[in-house]
Amino acid sequence: METVGKINNYFGKVSVAVVELSGTLKVGDRIKIKGSGTDLEQQVTSMQIDHNNIQEAKAGQLIGMKVDGKVKAGDTVYRL
Protein backbone atom coordinates (compact mmCIF):
# COMPACT_ATOMS: atom_id res chain seq x y z
CA MET A 1 0.00 0.00 0.00
CA GLU A 2 1.19 3.47 -0.90
CA THR A 3 0.02 6.62 0.91
CA VAL A 4 -1.49 9.03 -1.62
CA GLY A 5 -3.20 11.60 0.59
CA LYS A 6 -5.22 12.69 3.61
CA ILE A 7 -8.90 13.50 3.97
CA ASN A 8 -9.24 17.28 4.39
CA ASN A 9 -13.04 17.48 4.63
CA TYR A 10 -16.15 15.32 4.17
CA PHE A 11 -19.62 16.25 2.92
CA GLY A 12 -22.02 13.58 4.16
CA LYS A 13 -25.10 14.66 2.19
CA VAL A 14 -23.34 14.05 -1.13
CA SER A 15 -20.78 11.45 0.10
CA VAL A 16 -17.84 13.48 -1.19
CA ALA A 17 -14.43 13.66 0.48
CA VAL A 18 -11.92 16.45 -0.12
CA VAL A 19 -8.49 14.84 -0.39
CA GLU A 20 -5.14 16.62 -0.16
CA LEU A 21 -2.89 14.48 -2.34
CA SER A 22 0.70 13.52 -1.54
CA GLY A 23 0.90 11.21 -4.56
CA THR A 24 -0.74 10.57 -7.94
CA LEU A 25 -4.28 9.22 -8.10
CA LYS A 26 -6.29 8.14 -11.16
CA VAL A 27 -9.90 7.22 -11.80
CA GLY A 28 -9.99 3.40 -11.66
CA ASP A 29 -7.39 3.08 -8.87
CA ARG A 30 -8.35 0.92 -5.87
CA ILE A 31 -7.92 2.78 -2.60
CA LYS A 32 -8.21 2.21 1.13
CA ILE A 33 -9.21 5.00 3.52
CA LYS A 34 -8.06 4.31 7.07
CA GLY A 35 -8.36 6.23 10.32
CA SER A 36 -9.74 5.86 13.83
CA GLY A 37 -13.09 4.21 13.20
CA THR A 38 -12.68 4.35 9.40
CA ASP A 39 -11.69 1.33 7.28
CA LEU A 40 -13.04 1.65 3.76
CA GLU A 41 -11.92 0.02 0.50
CA GLN A 42 -13.24 1.16 -2.88
CA GLN A 43 -12.47 2.01 -6.48
CA VAL A 44 -12.05 5.66 -7.48
CA THR A 45 -15.06 6.29 -9.73
CA SER A 46 -14.91 10.08 -10.07
CA MET A 47 -12.68 12.97 -9.08
CA GLN A 48 -13.11 16.71 -9.46
CA ILE A 49 -11.07 19.88 -9.12
CA ASP A 50 -13.15 23.08 -8.91
CA HIS A 51 -16.27 21.14 -10.04
CA ASN A 52 -14.53 19.91 -13.23
CA ASN A 53 -14.24 16.15 -13.75
CA ILE A 54 -10.65 14.92 -14.04
CA GLN A 55 -9.07 11.54 -14.76
CA GLU A 56 -5.80 12.04 -12.88
CA ALA A 57 -4.49 14.26 -10.08
CA LYS A 58 -0.99 14.84 -8.74
CA ALA A 59 0.66 15.51 -5.38
CA GLY A 60 -0.21 18.89 -3.91
CA GLN A 61 -3.67 19.08 -5.49
CA LEU A 62 -6.95 19.19 -3.56
CA ILE A 63 -9.59 16.98 -5.14
CA GLY A 64 -13.20 16.11 -4.48
CA MET A 65 -13.86 12.36 -4.62
CA LYS A 66 -17.05 10.33 -4.27
CA VAL A 67 -16.71 7.87 -1.37
CA ASP A 68 -18.70 4.73 -0.51
CA GLY A 69 -18.95 5.43 3.22
CA LYS A 70 -18.41 7.96 6.00
CA VAL A 71 -14.85 9.27 6.38
CA LYS A 72 -13.29 11.89 8.63
CA ALA A 73 -10.78 14.72 8.27
CA GLY A 74 -7.33 13.31 9.01
CA ASP A 75 -8.05 9.81 7.62
CA THR A 76 -5.25 8.51 5.40
CA VAL A 77 -5.83 7.49 1.76
CA TYR A 78 -3.76 4.59 0.40
CA ARG A 79 -3.52 3.22 -3.15
CA LEU A 80 -3.74 -0.60 -3.15
C-alpha atoms as a PDB file:
ATOM      1  CA  MET A   1       0.000   0.000   0.000  1.00  0.00           C
ATOM      2  CA  GLU A   2       1.190   3.467  -0.896  1.00  0.00           C
ATOM      3  CA  THR A   3       0.021   6.616   0.910  1.00  0.00           C
ATOM      4  CA  VAL A   4      -1.495   9.030  -1.623  1.00  0.00           C
ATOM      5  CA  GLY A   5      -3.195  11.600   0.592  1.00  0.00           C
ATOM      6  CA  LYS A   6      -5.221  12.694   3.607  1.00  0.00           C
ATOM      7  CA  ILE A   7      -8.901  13.505   3.968  1.00  0.00           C
ATOM      8  CA  ASN A   8      -9.237  17.279   4.392  1.00  0.00           C
ATOM      9  CA  ASN A   9     -13.044  17.485   4.633  1.00  0.00           C
ATOM     10  CA  TYR A  10     -16.152  15.316   4.172  1.00  0.00           C
ATOM     11  CA  PHE A  11     -19.616  16.254   2.925  1.00  0.00           C
ATOM     12  CA  GLY A  12     -22.019  13.582   4.164  1.00  0.00           C
ATOM     13  CA  LYS A  13     -25.096  14.663   2.190  1.00  0.00           C
ATOM     14  CA  VAL A  14     -23.344  14.053  -1.134  1.00  0.00           C
ATOM     15  CA  SER A  15     -20.784  11.447   0.102  1.00  0.00           C
ATOM     16  CA  VAL A  16     -17.840  13.477  -1.186  1.00  0.00           C
ATOM     17  CA  ALA A  17     -14.434  13.661   0.483  1.00  0.00           C
ATOM     18  CA  VAL A  18     -11.922  16.447  -0.121  1.00  0.00           C
ATOM     19  CA  VAL A  19      -8.486  14.837  -0.394  1.00  0.00           C
ATOM     20  CA  GLU A  20      -5.137  16.617  -0.164  1.00  0.00           C
ATOM     21  CA  LEU A  21      -2.891  14.476  -2.344  1.00  0.00           C
ATOM     22  CA  SER A  22       0.698  13.515  -1.535  1.00  0.00           C
ATOM     23  CA  GLY A  23       0.897  11.214  -4.563  1.00  0.00           C
ATOM     24  CA  THR A  24      -0.737  10.572  -7.942  1.00  0.00           C
ATOM     25  CA  LEU A  25      -4.283   9.223  -8.103  1.00  0.00           C
ATOM     26  CA  LYS A  26      -6.291   8.139 -11.164  1.00  0.00           C
ATOM     27  CA  VAL A  27      -9.902   7.221 -11.804  1.00  0.00           C
ATOM     28  CA  GLY A  28      -9.989   3.396 -11.660  1.00  0.00           C
ATOM     29  CA  ASP A  29      -7.386   3.079  -8.874  1.00  0.00           C
ATOM     30  CA  ARG A  30      -8.351   0.923  -5.868  1.00  0.00           C
ATOM     31  CA  ILE A  31      -7.915   2.782  -2.597  1.00  0.00           C
ATOM     32  CA  LYS A  32      -8.206   2.211   1.133  1.00  0.00           C
ATOM     33  CA  ILE A  33      -9.214   4.999   3.523  1.00  0.00           C
ATOM     34  CA  LYS A  34      -8.062   4.310   7.070  1.00  0.00           C
ATOM     35  CA  GLY A  35      -8.362   6.226  10.317  1.00  0.00           C
ATOM     36  CA  SER A  36      -9.739   5.861  13.828  1.00  0.00           C
ATOM     37  CA  GLY A  37     -13.090   4.214  13.197  1.00  0.00           C
ATOM     38  CA  THR A  38     -12.679   4.346   9.404  1.00  0.00           C
ATOM     39  CA  ASP A  39     -11.692   1.335   7.279  1.00  0.00           C
ATOM     40  CA  LEU A  40     -13.040   1.649   3.758  1.00  0.00           C
ATOM     41  CA  GLU A  41     -11.915   0.023   0.505  1.00  0.00           C
ATOM     42  CA  GLN A  42     -13.238   1.158  -2.876  1.00  0.00           C
ATOM     43  CA  GLN A  43     -12.468   2.009  -6.482  1.00  0.00           C
ATOM     44  CA  VAL A  44     -12.052   5.657  -7.475  1.00  0.00           C
ATOM     45  CA  THR A  45     -15.058   6.288  -9.733  1.00  0.00           C
ATOM     46  CA  SER A  46     -14.913  10.083 -10.075  1.00  0.00           C
ATOM     47  CA  MET A  47     -12.682  12.974  -9.083  1.00  0.00           C
ATOM     48  CA  GLN A  48     -13.108  16.714  -9.463  1.00  0.00           C
ATOM     49  CA  ILE A  49     -11.072  19.880  -9.122  1.00  0.00           C
ATOM     50  CA  ASP A  50     -13.149  23.080  -8.914  1.00  0.00           C
ATOM     51  CA  HIS A  51     -16.271  21.142 -10.039  1.00  0.00           C
ATOM     52  CA  ASN A  52     -14.531  19.911 -13.228  1.00  0.00           C
ATOM     53  CA  ASN A  53     -14.239  16.149 -13.751  1.00  0.00           C
ATOM     54  CA  ILE A  54     -10.649  14.922 -14.036  1.00  0.00           C
ATOM     55  CA  GLN A  55      -9.068  11.540 -14.763  1.00  0.00           C
ATOM     56  CA  GLU A  56      -5.800  12.038 -12.879  1.00  0.00           C
ATOM     57  CA  ALA A  57      -4.492  14.262 -10.083  1.00  0.00           C
ATOM     58  CA  LYS A  58      -0.989  14.835  -8.735  1.00  0.00           C
ATOM     59  CA  ALA A  59       0.660  15.511  -5.377  1.00  0.00           C
ATOM     60  CA  GLY A  60      -0.210  18.894  -3.914  1.00  0.00           C
ATOM     61  CA  GLN A  61      -3.668  19.079  -5.485  1.00  0.00           C
ATOM     62  CA  LEU A  62      -6.953  19.193  -3.561  1.00  0.00           C
ATOM     63  CA  ILE A  63      -9.589  16.977  -5.144  1.00  0.00           C
ATOM     64  CA  GLY A  64     -13.205  16.110  -4.480  1.00  0.00           C
ATOM     65  CA  MET A  65     -13.858  12.364  -4.620  1.00  0.00           C
ATOM     66  CA  LYS A  66     -17.053  10.326  -4.273  1.00  0.00           C
ATOM     67  CA  VAL A  67     -16.714   7.867  -1.366  1.00  0.00           C
ATOM     68  CA  ASP A  68     -18.703   4.728  -0.512  1.00  0.00           C
ATOM     69  CA  GLY A  69     -18.948   5.433   3.217  1.00  0.00           C
ATOM     70  CA  LYS A  70     -18.411   7.962   5.996  1.00  0.00           C
ATOM     71  CA  VAL A  71     -14.846   9.265   6.381  1.00  0.00           C
ATOM     72  CA  LYS A  72     -13.292  11.894   8.635  1.00  0.00           C
ATOM     73  CA  ALA A  73     -10.784  14.720   8.273  1.00  0.00           C
ATOM     74  CA  GLY A  74      -7.331  13.312   9.006  1.00  0.00           C
ATOM     75  CA  ASP A  75      -8.047   9.815   7.618  1.00  0.00           C
ATOM     76  CA  THR A  76      -5.247   8.515   5.396  1.00  0.00           C
ATOM     77  CA  VAL A  77      -5.834   7.495   1.764  1.00  0.00           C
ATOM     78  CA  TYR A  78      -3.761   4.588   0.403  1.00  0.00           C
ATOM     79  CA  ARG A  79      -3.524   3.216  -3.149  1.00  0.00           C
ATOM     80  CA  LEU A  80      -3.745  -0.597  -3.149  1.00  0.00           C
END
